[in-house]
PDB file of N, CA and C in Angstrom:
ATOM      1  N   MET A   1       9.587 -71.276  17.698  1.00  0.00           N
ATOM      2  CA  MET A   1       9.320 -71.819  16.382  1.00  0.00           C
ATOM      3  C   MET A   1       9.328 -73.330  16.461  1.00  0.00           C
ATOM      4  N   GLY A   2       8.301 -73.984  15.921  1.00  0.00           N
ATOM      5  CA  GLY A   2       8.243 -75.437  15.894  1.00  0.00           C
ATOM      6  C   GLY A   2       9.243 -76.001  14.913  1.00  0.00           C
ATOM      7  N   CYS A   3       9.442 -77.287  15.009  1.00  0.00           N
ATOM      8  CA  CYS A   3      10.411 -77.939  14.147  1.00  0.00           C
ATOM      9  C   CYS A   3       9.725 -79.099  13.457  1.00  0.00           C
ATOM     10  N   LEU A   4       8.822 -78.793  12.553  1.00  0.00           N
ATOM     11  CA  LEU A   4       8.085 -79.820  11.837  1.00  0.00           C
ATOM     12  C   LEU A   4       8.775 -80.086  10.513  1.00  0.00           C
ATOM     13  N   CYS A   5       9.837 -80.867  10.561  1.00  0.00           N
ATOM     14  CA  CYS A   5      10.703 -81.043   9.409  1.00  0.00           C
ATOM     15  C   CYS A   5      10.589 -82.407   8.757  1.00  0.00           C
ATOM     16  N   VAL A   6       9.692 -83.243   9.194  1.00  0.00           N
ATOM     17  CA  VAL A   6       9.552 -84.567   8.597  1.00  0.00           C
ATOM     18  C   VAL A   6       8.710 -84.413   7.339  1.00  0.00           C
ATOM     19  N   LYS A   7       9.271 -84.768   6.191  1.00  0.00           N
ATOM     20  CA  LYS A   7       8.601 -84.617   4.901  1.00  0.00           C
ATOM     21  C   LYS A   7       8.569 -85.943   4.175  1.00  0.00           C
ATOM     22  N   ASP A   8       7.839 -85.987   3.048  1.00  0.00           N
ATOM     23  CA  ASP A   8       7.635 -87.243   2.339  1.00  0.00           C
ATOM     24  C   ASP A   8       8.558 -87.459   1.145  1.00  0.00           C
ATOM     25  N   GLY A   9       8.764 -86.468   0.325  1.00  0.00           N
ATOM     26  CA  GLY A   9       9.504 -86.674  -0.916  1.00  0.00           C
ATOM     27  C   GLY A   9      10.842 -85.982  -0.942  1.00  0.00           C
ATOM     28  N   PRO A  10      11.663 -86.253  -1.977  1.00  0.00           N
ATOM     29  CA  PRO A  10      13.003 -85.660  -2.046  1.00  0.00           C
ATOM     30  C   PRO A  10      12.972 -84.130  -2.160  1.00  0.00           C
ATOM     31  N   ASP A  11      12.007 -83.584  -2.882  1.00  0.00           N
ATOM     32  CA  ASP A  11      11.918 -82.124  -2.973  1.00  0.00           C
ATOM     33  C   ASP A  11      11.526 -81.526  -1.625  1.00  0.00           C
ATOM     34  N   ASP A  12      10.678 -82.236  -0.887  1.00  0.00           N
ATOM     35  CA  ASP A  12      10.281 -81.785   0.435  1.00  0.00           C
ATOM     36  C   ASP A  12      11.455 -81.774   1.398  1.00  0.00           C
ATOM     37  N   ALA A  13      12.411 -82.692   1.197  1.00  0.00           N
ATOM     38  CA  ALA A  13      13.573 -82.760   2.092  1.00  0.00           C
ATOM     39  C   ALA A  13      14.379 -81.475   2.022  1.00  0.00           C
ATOM     40  N   ILE A  14      14.555 -80.946   0.827  1.00  0.00           N
ATOM     41  CA  ILE A  14      15.293 -79.694   0.668  1.00  0.00           C
ATOM     42  C   ILE A  14      14.505 -78.556   1.316  1.00  0.00           C
ATOM     43  N   ALA A  15      13.221 -78.501   1.041  1.00  0.00           N
ATOM     44  CA  ALA A  15      12.382 -77.460   1.633  1.00  0.00           C
ATOM     45  C   ALA A  15      12.375 -77.577   3.145  1.00  0.00           C
ATOM     46  N   ALA A  16      12.351 -78.803   3.651  1.00  0.00           N
ATOM     47  CA  ALA A  16      12.335 -79.009   5.104  1.00  0.00           C
ATOM     48  C   ALA A  16      13.593 -78.464   5.738  1.00  0.00           C
ATOM     49  N   SER A  17      14.734 -78.689   5.110  1.00  0.00           N
ATOM     50  CA  SER A  17      15.989 -78.199   5.669  1.00  0.00           C
ATOM     51  C   SER A  17      15.985 -76.686   5.756  1.00  0.00           C
ATOM     52  N   VAL A  18      15.489 -76.028   4.719  1.00  0.00           N
ATOM     53  CA  VAL A  18      15.474 -74.571   4.714  1.00  0.00           C
ATOM     54  C   VAL A  18      14.465 -74.054   5.727  1.00  0.00           C
ATOM     55  N   LYS A  19      13.256 -74.634   5.758  1.00  0.00           N
ATOM     56  CA  LYS A  19      12.244 -74.211   6.708  1.00  0.00           C
ATOM     57  C   LYS A  19      12.684 -74.455   8.145  1.00  0.00           C
ATOM     58  N   CYS A  20      13.503 -75.462   8.332  1.00  0.00           N
ATOM     59  CA  CYS A  20      13.916 -75.855   9.666  1.00  0.00           C
ATOM     60  C   CYS A  20      14.891 -74.864  10.281  1.00  0.00           C
ATOM     61  N   ASN A  21      15.416 -73.956   9.498  1.00  0.00           N
ATOM     62  CA  ASN A  21      16.428 -73.030   9.990  1.00  0.00           C
ATOM     63  C   ASN A  21      15.914 -71.606   9.870  1.00  0.00           C
ATOM     64  N   PRO A  22      15.650 -70.926  10.978  1.00  0.00           N
ATOM     65  CA  PRO A  22      15.109 -69.571  10.920  1.00  0.00           C
ATOM     66  C   PRO A  22      16.131 -68.518  10.509  1.00  0.00           C
ATOM     67  N   TYR A  23      17.393 -68.907  10.344  1.00  0.00           N
ATOM     68  CA  TYR A  23      18.438 -67.931  10.046  1.00  0.00           C
ATOM     69  C   TYR A  23      18.799 -67.851   8.569  1.00  0.00           C
ATOM     70  N   GLY A  24      18.087 -68.586   7.704  1.00  0.00           N
ATOM     71  CA  GLY A  24      18.290 -68.453   6.272  1.00  0.00           C
ATOM     72  C   GLY A  24      19.300 -69.408   5.668  1.00  0.00           C
ATOM     73  N   SER A  25      20.060 -70.141   6.467  1.00  0.00           N
ATOM     74  CA  SER A  25      20.975 -71.130   5.908  1.00  0.00           C
ATOM     75  C   SER A  25      20.456 -72.519   6.226  1.00  0.00           C
ATOM     76  N   ILE A  26      20.967 -73.495   5.523  1.00  0.00           N
ATOM     77  CA  ILE A  26      20.503 -74.859   5.735  1.00  0.00           C
ATOM     78  C   ILE A  26      21.135 -75.414   7.002  1.00  0.00           C
ATOM     79  N   ALA A  27      20.293 -75.860   7.919  1.00  0.00           N
ATOM     80  CA  ALA A  27      20.770 -76.417   9.190  1.00  0.00           C
ATOM     81  C   ALA A  27      21.019 -77.910   9.027  1.00  0.00           C
ATOM     82  N   MET A  28      22.077 -78.384   9.646  1.00  0.00           N
ATOM     83  CA  MET A  28      22.320 -79.820   9.705  1.00  0.00           C
ATOM     84  C   MET A  28      21.555 -80.366  10.907  1.00  0.00           C
ATOM     85  N   ASN A  29      20.927 -81.493  10.715  1.00  0.00           N
ATOM     86  CA  ASN A  29      20.234 -82.146  11.815  1.00  0.00           C
ATOM     87  C   ASN A  29      21.244 -82.884  12.686  1.00  0.00           C
ATOM     88  N   ILE A  30      20.797 -83.345  13.835  1.00  0.00           N
ATOM     89  CA  ILE A  30      21.680 -83.989  14.808  1.00  0.00           C
ATOM     90  C   ILE A  30      21.255 -85.443  15.006  1.00  0.00           C
ATOM     91  N   ARG A  31      22.212 -86.349  14.849  1.00  0.00           N
ATOM     92  CA  ARG A  31      21.978 -87.775  15.102  1.00  0.00           C
ATOM     93  C   ARG A  31      22.637 -88.136  16.429  1.00  0.00           C
ATOM     94  N   LEU A  32      21.815 -88.601  17.374  1.00  0.00           N
ATOM     95  CA  LEU A  32      22.286 -89.030  18.683  1.00  0.00           C
ATOM     96  C   LEU A  32      22.352 -90.560  18.675  1.00  0.00           C
ATOM     97  N   HIS A  33      23.557 -91.102  18.854  1.00  0.00           N
ATOM     98  CA  HIS A  33      23.765 -92.554  18.901  1.00  0.00           C
ATOM     99  C   HIS A  33      23.775 -93.009  20.358  1.00  0.00           C
ATOM    100  N   TYR A  34      23.105 -94.122  20.619  1.00  0.00           N
ATOM    101  CA  TYR A  34      23.082 -94.681  21.964  1.00  0.00           C
ATOM    102  C   TYR A  34      22.935 -96.187  21.885  1.00  0.00           C
ATOM    103  N   ARG A  35      23.111 -96.864  23.019  1.00  0.00           N
ATOM    104  CA  ARG A  35      22.991 -98.318  23.024  1.00  0.00           C
ATOM    105  C   ARG A  35      22.410 -98.806  24.343  1.00  0.00           C
ATOM    106  N   TYR A  36      21.886-100.016  24.260  1.00  0.00           N
ATOM    107  CA  TYR A  36      21.411-100.727  25.435  1.00  0.00           C
ATOM    108  C   TYR A  36      22.317-101.936  25.613  1.00  0.00           C
ATOM    109  N   ARG A  37      22.785-102.145  26.822  1.00  0.00           N
ATOM    110  CA  ARG A  37      23.626-103.302  27.135  1.00  0.00           C
ATOM    111  C   ARG A  37      23.059-103.954  28.393  1.00  0.00           C
ATOM    112  N   ASP A  38      22.671-105.229  28.280  1.00  0.00           N
ATOM    113  CA  ASP A  38      22.153-105.899  29.471  1.00  0.00           C
ATOM    114  C   ASP A  38      23.304-106.460  30.294  1.00  0.00           C
ATOM    115  N   ALA A  39      22.986-107.051  31.432  1.00  0.00           N
ATOM    116  CA  ALA A  39      24.019-107.554  32.331  1.00  0.00           C
ATOM    117  C   ALA A  39      24.806-108.708  31.725  1.00  0.00           C
ATOM    118  N   GLY A  40      24.263-109.362  30.702  1.00  0.00           N
ATOM    119  CA  GLY A  40      24.980-110.412  29.992  1.00  0.00           C
ATOM    120  C   GLY A  40      25.855-109.861  28.880  1.00  0.00           C
ATOM    121  N   ASN A  41      25.938-108.532  28.772  1.00  0.00           N
ATOM    122  CA  ASN A  41      26.737-107.798  27.790  1.00  0.00           C
ATOM    123  C   ASN A  41      26.212-107.915  26.357  1.00  0.00           C
ATOM    124  N   TYR A  42      24.935-108.283  26.199  1.00  0.00           N
ATOM    125  CA  TYR A  42      24.320-108.255  24.878  1.00  0.00           C
ATOM    126  C   TYR A  42      23.947-106.812  24.582  1.00  0.00           C
ATOM    127  N   LYS A  43      24.242-106.361  23.362  1.00  0.00           N
ATOM    128  CA  LYS A  43      24.077-104.940  23.029  1.00  0.00           C
ATOM    129  C   LYS A  43      23.094-104.744  21.876  1.00  0.00           C
ATOM    130  N   GLN A  44      22.354-103.662  21.977  1.00  0.00           N
ATOM    131  CA  GLN A  44      21.482-103.187  20.914  1.00  0.00           C
ATOM    132  C   GLN A  44      21.841-101.731  20.656  1.00  0.00           C
ATOM    133  N   TYR A  45      22.033-101.369  19.395  1.00  0.00           N
ATOM    134  CA  TYR A  45      22.438-100.014  19.028  1.00  0.00           C
ATOM    135  C   TYR A  45      21.295 -99.302  18.330  1.00  0.00           C
ATOM    136  N   GLY A  46      21.242 -97.999  18.517  1.00  0.00           N
ATOM    137  CA  GLY A  46      20.222 -97.212  17.852  1.00  0.00           C
ATOM    138  C   GLY A  46      20.598 -95.749  17.813  1.00  0.00           C
ATOM    139  N   TYR A  47      19.763 -94.979  17.154  1.00  0.00           N
ATOM    140  CA  TYR A  47      19.960 -93.532  17.103  1.00  0.00           C
ATOM    141  C   TYR A  47      18.630 -92.851  16.863  1.00  0.00           C
ATOM    142  N   VAL A  48      18.608 -91.572  17.143  1.00  0.00           N
ATOM    143  CA  VAL A  48      17.459 -90.731  16.845  1.00  0.00           C
ATOM    144  C   VAL A  48      17.993 -89.456  16.209  1.00  0.00           C
ATOM    145  N   VAL A  49      17.270 -88.946  15.203  1.00  0.00           N
ATOM    146  CA  VAL A  49      17.678 -87.726  14.504  1.00  0.00           C
ATOM    147  C   VAL A  49      16.733 -86.597  14.897  1.00  0.00           C
ATOM    148  N   PHE A  50      17.336 -85.504  15.343  1.00  0.00           N
ATOM    149  CA  PHE A  50      16.595 -84.307  15.748  1.00  0.00           C
ATOM    150  C   PHE A  50      16.861 -83.176  14.771  1.00  0.00           C
ATOM    151  N   CYS A  51      15.877 -82.323  14.568  1.00  0.00           N
ATOM    152  CA  CYS A  51      16.055 -81.091  13.819  1.00  0.00           C
ATOM    153  C   CYS A  51      16.878 -80.117  14.669  1.00  0.00           C
ATOM    154  N   ASN A  52      17.815 -79.455  14.050  1.00  0.00           N
ATOM    155  CA  ASN A  52      18.666 -78.471  14.752  1.00  0.00           C
ATOM    156  C   ASN A  52      18.349 -77.086  14.205  1.00  0.00           C
ATOM    157  N   SER A  53      17.144 -76.620  14.461  1.00  0.00           N
ATOM    158  CA  SER A  53      16.643 -75.388  13.851  1.00  0.00           C
ATOM    159  C   SER A  53      17.415 -74.132  14.234  1.00  0.00           C
ATOM    160  N   HIS A  54      18.133 -74.155  15.352  1.00  0.00           N
ATOM    161  CA  HIS A  54      18.898 -72.973  15.764  1.00  0.00           C
ATOM    162  C   HIS A  54      20.395 -73.147  15.551  1.00  0.00           C
ATOM    163  N   ASN A  55      20.779 -74.168  14.785  1.00  0.00           N
ATOM    164  CA  ASN A  55      22.195 -74.420  14.478  1.00  0.00           C
ATOM    165  C   ASN A  55      23.070 -74.490  15.727  1.00  0.00           C
ATOM    166  N   LEU A  56      22.596 -75.158  16.754  1.00  0.00           N
ATOM    167  CA  LEU A  56      23.419 -75.326  17.948  1.00  0.00           C
ATOM    168  C   LEU A  56      24.665 -76.127  17.581  1.00  0.00           C
ATOM    169  N   PRO A  57      25.830 -75.721  18.037  1.00  0.00           N
ATOM    170  CA  PRO A  57      27.052 -76.467  17.716  1.00  0.00           C
ATOM    171  C   PRO A  57      27.088 -77.812  18.446  1.00  0.00           C
ATOM    172  N   LEU A  58      27.704 -78.798  17.816  1.00  0.00           N
ATOM    173  CA  LEU A  58      27.789 -80.135  18.404  1.00  0.00           C
ATOM    174  C   LEU A  58      28.383 -80.118  19.804  1.00  0.00           C
ATOM    175  N   ASN A  59      29.435 -79.326  20.020  1.00  0.00           N
ATOM    176  CA  ASN A  59      30.077 -79.335  21.340  1.00  0.00           C
ATOM    177  C   ASN A  59      29.138 -78.802  22.423  1.00  0.00           C
ATOM    178  N   GLU A  60      28.278 -77.857  22.091  1.00  0.00           N
ATOM    179  CA  GLU A  60      27.295 -77.336  23.054  1.00  0.00           C
ATOM    180  C   GLU A  60      26.234 -78.392  23.354  1.00  0.00           C
ATOM    181  N   ILE A  61      25.766 -79.073  22.316  1.00  0.00           N
ATOM    182  CA  ILE A  61      24.767 -80.123  22.500  1.00  0.00           C
ATOM    183  C   ILE A  61      25.348 -81.241  23.357  1.00  0.00           C
ATOM    184  N   GLU A  62      26.576 -81.661  23.036  1.00  0.00           N
ATOM    185  CA  GLU A  62      27.195 -82.741  23.804  1.00  0.00           C
ATOM    186  C   GLU A  62      27.428 -82.338  25.256  1.00  0.00           C
ATOM    187  N   ARG A  63      27.838 -81.120  25.492  1.00  0.00           N
ATOM    188  CA  ARG A  63      28.045 -80.644  26.864  1.00  0.00           C
ATOM    189  C   ARG A  63      26.748 -80.735  27.661  1.00  0.00           C
ATOM    190  N   ARG A  64      25.660 -80.325  27.057  1.00  0.00           N
ATOM    191  CA  ARG A  64      24.373 -80.336  27.750  1.00  0.00           C
ATOM    192  C   ARG A  64      23.852 -81.760  27.968  1.00  0.00           C
ATOM    193  N   ILE A  65      24.103 -82.637  27.015  1.00  0.00           N
ATOM    194  CA  ILE A  65      23.711 -84.037  27.190  1.00  0.00           C
ATOM    195  C   ILE A  65      24.531 -84.667  28.309  1.00  0.00           C
ATOM    196  N   ARG A  66      25.836 -84.474  28.279  1.00  0.00           N
ATOM    197  CA  ARG A  66      26.709 -85.071  29.304  1.00  0.00           C
ATOM    198  C   ARG A  66      26.354 -84.582  30.708  1.00  0.00           C
ATOM    199  N   ALA A  67      25.902 -83.333  30.813  1.00  0.00           N
ATOM    200  CA  ALA A  67      25.502 -82.792  32.120  1.00  0.00           C
ATOM    201  C   ALA A  67      24.260 -83.504  32.667  1.00  0.00           C
ATOM    202  N   ALA A  68      23.464 -84.109  31.791  1.00  0.00           N
ATOM    203  CA  ALA A  68      22.235 -84.779  32.220  1.00  0.00           C
ATOM    204  C   ALA A  68      22.403 -86.289  32.407  1.00  0.00           C
ATOM    205  N   LEU A  69      23.573 -86.823  32.084  1.00  0.00           N
ATOM    206  CA  LEU A  69      23.797 -88.260  32.191  1.00  0.00           C
ATOM    207  C   LEU A  69      23.991 -88.705  33.631  1.00  0.00           C
ATOM    208  N   ILE A  70      23.649 -89.943  33.915  1.00  0.00           N
ATOM    209  CA  ILE A  70      23.884 -90.571  35.209  1.00  0.00           C
ATOM    210  C   ILE A  70      25.306 -91.123  35.174  1.00  0.00           C
ATOM    211  N   ASP A  71      26.132 -90.746  36.125  1.00  0.00           N
ATOM    212  CA  ASP A  71      27.529 -91.180  36.179  1.00  0.00           C
ATOM    213  C   ASP A  71      28.286 -90.891  34.882  1.00  0.00           C
ATOM    214  N   GLY A  72      27.895 -89.831  34.191  1.00  0.00           N
ATOM    215  CA  GLY A  72      28.603 -89.411  32.988  1.00  0.00           C
ATOM    216  C   GLY A  72      28.417 -90.298  31.782  1.00  0.00           C
ATOM    217  N   GLU A  73      27.493 -91.266  31.850  1.00  0.00           N
ATOM    218  CA  GLU A  73      27.375 -92.230  30.749  1.00  0.00           C
ATOM    219  C   GLU A  73      25.962 -92.717  30.474  1.00  0.00           C
ATOM    220  N   TYR A  74      25.111 -92.805  31.494  1.00  0.00           N
ATOM    221  CA  TYR A  74      23.833 -93.496  31.375  1.00  0.00           C
ATOM    222  C   TYR A  74      22.637 -92.542  31.414  1.00  0.00           C
ATOM    223  N   PHE A  75      21.523 -93.049  30.865  1.00  0.00           N
ATOM    224  CA  PHE A  75      20.267 -92.310  30.922  1.00  0.00           C
ATOM    225  C   PHE A  75      19.118 -93.298  30.805  1.00  0.00           C
ATOM    226  N   ASN A  76      17.940 -92.838  31.214  1.00  0.00           N
ATOM    227  CA  ASN A  76      16.724 -93.625  31.076  1.00  0.00           C
ATOM    228  C   ASN A  76      15.980 -93.102  29.847  1.00  0.00           C
ATOM    229  N   PRO A  77      15.795 -93.934  28.820  1.00  0.00           N
ATOM    230  CA  PRO A  77      15.160 -93.443  27.596  1.00  0.00           C
ATOM    231  C   PRO A  77      13.711 -92.998  27.792  1.00  0.00           C
ATOM    232  N   LEU A  78      13.013 -93.572  28.744  1.00  0.00           N
ATOM    233  CA  LEU A  78      11.639 -93.124  29.010  1.00  0.00           C
ATOM    234  C   LEU A  78      11.645 -91.702  29.531  1.00  0.00           C
ATOM    235  N   ARG A  79      12.567 -91.406  30.419  1.00  0.00           N
ATOM    236  CA  ARG A  79      12.701 -90.051  30.958  1.00  0.00           C
ATOM    237  C   ARG A  79      13.091 -89.061  29.858  1.00  0.00           C
ATOM    238  N   TRP A  80      13.942 -89.523  28.938  1.00  0.00           N
ATOM    239  CA  TRP A  80      14.405 -88.660  27.841  1.00  0.00           C
ATOM    240  C   TRP A  80      13.453 -88.660  26.647  1.00  0.00           C
ATOM    241  N   ARG A  81      12.436 -89.482  26.724  1.00  0.00           N
ATOM    242  CA  ARG A  81      11.407 -89.561  25.672  1.00  0.00           C
ATOM    243  C   ARG A  81      11.991 -89.961  24.314  1.00  0.00           C
ATOM    244  N   ILE A  82      12.882 -90.952  24.349  1.00  0.00           N
ATOM    245  CA  ILE A  82      13.377 -91.557  23.108  1.00  0.00           C
ATOM    246  C   ILE A  82      13.152 -93.064  23.225  1.00  0.00           C
ATOM    247  N   PRO A  83      13.134 -93.778  22.097  1.00  0.00           N
ATOM    248  CA  PRO A  83      12.808 -95.211  22.149  1.00  0.00           C
ATOM    249  C   PRO A  83      13.812 -96.034  22.952  1.00  0.00           C
ATOM    250  N   SER A  84      13.284 -96.967  23.733  1.00  0.00           N
ATOM    251  CA  SER A  84      14.134 -97.941  24.420  1.00  0.00           C
ATOM    252  C   SER A  84      14.643 -98.925  23.380  1.00  0.00           C
ATOM    253  N   LEU A  85      15.862 -99.373  23.556  1.00  0.00           N
ATOM    254  CA  LEU A  85      16.454-100.336  22.630  1.00  0.00           C
ATOM    255  C   LEU A  85      16.365-101.763  23.159  1.00  0.00           C
ATOM    256  N   HIS A  86      15.783-101.943  24.332  1.00  0.00           N
ATOM    257  CA  HIS A  86      15.624-103.301  24.868  1.00  0.00           C
ATOM    258  C   HIS A  86      14.690-104.081  23.951  1.00  0.00           C
ATOM    259  N   VAL A  87      15.080-105.305  23.617  1.00  0.00           N
ATOM    260  CA  VAL A  87      14.235-106.184  22.803  1.00  0.00           C
ATOM    261  C   VAL A  87      14.031-107.506  23.527  1.00  0.00           C
ATOM    262  N   GLY A  88      12.970-108.184  23.176  1.00  0.00           N
ATOM    263  CA  GLY A  88      12.726-109.498  23.753  1.00  0.00           C
ATOM    264  C   GLY A  88      12.011-109.434  25.087  1.00  0.00           C
ATOM    265  N   THR A  89      11.950-110.578  25.727  1.00  0.00           N
ATOM    266  CA  THR A  89      11.287-110.717  27.015  1.00  0.00           C
ATOM    267  C   THR A  89      12.160-110.135  28.119  1.00  0.00           C
ATOM    268  N   TRP A  90      11.534-109.425  29.027  1.00  0.00           N
ATOM    269  CA  TRP A  90      12.255-108.810  30.146  1.00  0.00           C
ATOM    270  C   TRP A  90      12.720-109.894  31.111  1.00  0.00           C
ATOM    271  N   ASP A  91      13.994-109.835  31.492  1.00  0.00           N
ATOM    272  CA  ASP A  91      14.580-110.778  32.455  1.00  0.00           C
ATOM    273  C   ASP A  91      15.112-109.967  33.632  1.00  0.00           C
ATOM    274  N   ASP A  92      14.479-110.103  34.799  1.00  0.00           N
ATOM    275  CA  ASP A  92      14.878-109.323  35.977  1.00  0.00           C
ATOM    276  C   ASP A  92      16.329-109.568  36.378  1.00  0.00           C
ATOM    277  N   GLU A  93      16.889-110.696  35.996  1.00  0.00           N
ATOM    278  CA  GLU A  93      18.285-111.011  36.317  1.00  0.00           C
ATOM    279  C   GLU A  93      19.268-110.230  35.441  1.00  0.00           C
ATOM    280  N   LEU A  94      18.864-109.889  34.212  1.00  0.00           N
ATOM    281  CA  LEU A  94      19.792-109.282  33.247  1.00  0.00           C
ATOM    282  C   LEU A  94      19.408-107.875  32.800  1.00  0.00           C
ATOM    283  N   ASP A  95      18.145-107.539  32.862  1.00  0.00           N
ATOM    284  CA  ASP A  95      17.667-106.314  32.235  1.00  0.00           C
ATOM    285  C   ASP A  95      17.521-105.159  33.220  1.00  0.00           C
ATOM    286  N   HIS A  96      17.639-103.967  32.698  1.00  0.00           N
ATOM    287  CA  HIS A  96      17.529-102.723  33.460  1.00  0.00           C
ATOM    288  C   HIS A  96      17.067-101.639  32.492  1.00  0.00           C
ATOM    289  N   ASP A  97      16.776-100.449  33.013  1.00  0.00           N
ATOM    290  CA  ASP A  97      16.258 -99.363  32.179  1.00  0.00           C
ATOM    291  C   ASP A  97      17.345 -98.500  31.552  1.00  0.00           C
ATOM    292  N   TRP A  98      18.532 -98.525  32.069  1.00  0.00           N
ATOM    293  CA  TRP A  98      19.552 -97.582  31.631  1.00  0.00           C
ATOM    294  C   TRP A  98      20.118 -97.913  30.251  1.00  0.00           C
ATOM    295  N   HIS A  99      20.339 -96.843  29.485  1.00  0.00           N
ATOM    296  CA  HIS A  99      20.990 -96.918  28.185  1.00  0.00           C
ATOM    297  C   HIS A  99      22.266 -96.088  28.260  1.00  0.00           C
ATOM    298  N   GLU A 100      23.150 -96.252  27.281  1.00  0.00           N
ATOM    299  CA  GLU A 100      24.426 -95.546  27.264  1.00  0.00           C
ATOM    300  C   GLU A 100      24.475 -94.558  26.097  1.00  0.00           C
ATOM    301  N   PHE A 101      24.864 -93.337  26.404  1.00  0.00           N
ATOM    302  CA  PHE A 101      25.115 -92.343  25.363  1.00  0.00           C
ATOM    303  C   PHE A 101      26.407 -92.730  24.656  1.00  0.00           C
ATOM    304  N   GLU A 102      26.409 -92.677  23.310  1.00  0.00           N
ATOM    305  CA  GLU A 102      27.608 -92.996  22.549  1.00  0.00           C
ATOM    306  C   GLU A 102      28.217 -91.771  21.895  1.00  0.00           C
ATOM    307  N   SER A 103      27.454 -91.119  21.008  1.00  0.00           N
ATOM    308  CA  SER A 103      28.047 -90.008  20.266  1.00  0.00           C
ATOM    309  C   SER A 103      26.966 -89.175  19.592  1.00  0.00           C
ATOM    310  N   LEU A 104      27.422 -88.068  19.031  1.00  0.00           N
ATOM    311  CA  LEU A 104      26.585 -87.172  18.232  1.00  0.00           C
ATOM    312  C   LEU A 104      27.265 -86.951  16.898  1.00  0.00           C
ATOM    313  N   GLU A 105      26.467 -86.645  15.885  1.00  0.00           N
ATOM    314  CA  GLU A 105      27.028 -86.217  14.614  1.00  0.00           C
ATOM    315  C   GLU A 105      25.995 -85.387  13.868  1.00  0.00           C
ATOM    316  N   GLU A 106      26.482 -84.530  12.988  1.00  0.00           N
ATOM    317  CA  GLU A 106      25.588 -83.788  12.112  1.00  0.00           C
ATOM    318  C   GLU A 106      25.213 -84.695  10.950  1.00  0.00           C
ATOM    319  N   THR A 107      23.992 -84.516  10.452  1.00  0.00           N
ATOM    320  CA  THR A 107      23.512 -85.346   9.366  1.00  0.00           C
ATOM    321  C   THR A 107      22.505 -84.572   8.515  1.00  0.00           C
ATOM    322  N   ALA A 108      22.426 -84.948   7.246  1.00  0.00           N
ATOM    323  CA  ALA A 108      21.406 -84.396   6.359  1.00  0.00           C
ATOM    324  C   ALA A 108      20.145 -85.254   6.392  1.00  0.00           C
ATOM    325  N   GLU A 109      20.196 -86.369   7.126  1.00  0.00           N
ATOM    326  CA  GLU A 109      19.041 -87.241   7.264  1.00  0.00           C
ATOM    327  C   GLU A 109      17.890 -86.472   7.900  1.00  0.00           C
ATOM    328  N   LEU A 110      16.688 -86.719   7.405  1.00  0.00           N
ATOM    329  CA  LEU A 110      15.523 -86.042   7.967  1.00  0.00           C
ATOM    330  C   LEU A 110      15.255 -86.521   9.387  1.00  0.00           C
ATOM    331  N   PRO A 111      14.743 -85.651  10.236  1.00  0.00           N
ATOM    332  CA  PRO A 111      14.448 -86.036  11.612  1.00  0.00           C
ATOM    333  C   PRO A 111      13.445 -87.179  11.676  1.00  0.00           C
ATOM    334  N   GLY A 112      13.627 -88.037  12.659  1.00  0.00           N
ATOM    335  CA  GLY A 112      12.704 -89.128  12.894  1.00  0.00           C
ATOM    336  C   GLY A 112      11.703 -88.784  13.987  1.00  0.00           C
ATOM    337  N   THR A 113      11.765 -87.574  14.480  1.00  0.00           N
ATOM    338  CA  THR A 113      10.871 -87.100  15.527  1.00  0.00           C
ATOM    339  C   THR A 113      10.529 -85.637  15.240  1.00  0.00           C
ATOM    340  N   ARG A 114       9.406 -85.207  15.745  1.00  0.00           N
ATOM    341  CA  ARG A 114       9.024 -83.798  15.591  1.00  0.00           C
ATOM    342  C   ARG A 114       9.587 -82.942  16.721  1.00  0.00           C
ATOM    343  N   VAL A 115      10.328 -83.552  17.627  1.00  0.00           N
ATOM    344  CA  VAL A 115      10.958 -82.831  18.732  1.00  0.00           C
ATOM    345  C   VAL A 115      12.292 -82.269  18.247  1.00  0.00           C
ATOM    346  N   SER A 116      12.498 -80.989  18.426  1.00  0.00           N
ATOM    347  CA  SER A 116      13.774 -80.375  18.031  1.00  0.00           C
ATOM    348  C   SER A 116      14.847 -80.707  19.055  1.00  0.00           C
ATOM    349  N   ILE A 117      16.096 -80.549  18.679  1.00  0.00           N
ATOM    350  CA  ILE A 117      17.194 -80.763  19.627  1.00  0.00           C
ATOM    351  C   ILE A 117      17.077 -79.774  20.791  1.00  0.00           C
ATOM    352  N   ASP A 118      16.593 -78.564  20.525  1.00  0.00           N
ATOM    353  CA  ASP A 118      16.395 -77.574  21.591  1.00  0.00           C
ATOM    354  C   ASP A 118      15.402 -78.091  22.637  1.00  0.00           C
ATOM    355  N   ALA A 119      14.269 -78.590  22.175  1.00  0.00           N
ATOM    356  CA  ALA A 119      13.246 -79.102  23.086  1.00  0.00           C
ATOM    357  C   ALA A 119      13.754 -80.337  23.824  1.00  0.00           C
ATOM    358  N   PHE A 120      14.478 -81.197  23.131  1.00  0.00           N
ATOM    359  CA  PHE A 120      15.047 -82.383  23.763  1.00  0.00           C
ATOM    360  C   PHE A 120      15.981 -81.985  24.890  1.00  0.00           C
ATOM    361  N   LEU A 121      16.868 -81.031  24.639  1.00  0.00           N
ATOM    362  CA  LEU A 121      17.825 -80.580  25.659  1.00  0.00           C
ATOM    363  C   LEU A 121      17.109 -79.959  26.854  1.00  0.00           C
ATOM    364  N   GLN A 122      16.061 -79.213  26.608  1.00  0.00           N
ATOM    365  CA  GLN A 122      15.284 -78.636  27.712  1.00  0.00           C
ATOM    366  C   GLN A 122      14.640 -79.738  28.548  1.00  0.00           C
ATOM    367  N   ASN A 123      14.134 -80.771  27.881  1.00  0.00           N
ATOM    368  CA  ASN A 123      13.496 -81.879  28.582  1.00  0.00           C
ATOM    369  C   ASN A 123      14.474 -82.630  29.484  1.00  0.00           C
ATOM    370  N   ILE A 124      15.662 -82.923  28.992  1.00  0.00           N
ATOM    371  CA  ILE A 124      16.596 -83.721  29.791  1.00  0.00           C
ATOM    372  C   ILE A 124      17.266 -82.919  30.890  1.00  0.00           C
ATOM    373  N   ALA A 125      17.206 -81.603  30.782  1.00  0.00           N
ATOM    374  CA  ALA A 125      17.839 -80.753  31.801  1.00  0.00           C
ATOM    375  C   ALA A 125      17.007 -80.661  33.074  1.00  0.00           C
ATOM    376  N   GLY A 126      15.753 -80.910  32.967  1.00  0.00           N
ATOM    377  CA  GLY A 126      15.029 -80.674  34.184  1.00  0.00           C
ATOM    378  C   GLY A 126      13.759 -81.352  34.333  1.00  0.00           C
TER     379      GLY A 126
END
């Protein structure tokens, strides 16, 4: 089942939540927080919201994310297909591709991507 939960209006948001869950209850979406830190310790923070159409529990999602991290903390956003948080001109002395996983939380916020958390987890696993 696809996870096309991005809607335009407030009434659509309620419908999107219900449509997003094949089990008949309203699913909470998942917000993944991450950051970019360059070698000068300048930080940029961001997050992405995924539809959680199968109501995967947070601890299961976090376990699967942590299993895909480099050294238990880092990831390449291009490989994970989420936006890079690097801003400005690239400096070979300070900049790198790795970002840091921070946390997860459930949210009623509408997804910012059409990729479900299930598809995201499958992508980062292999």
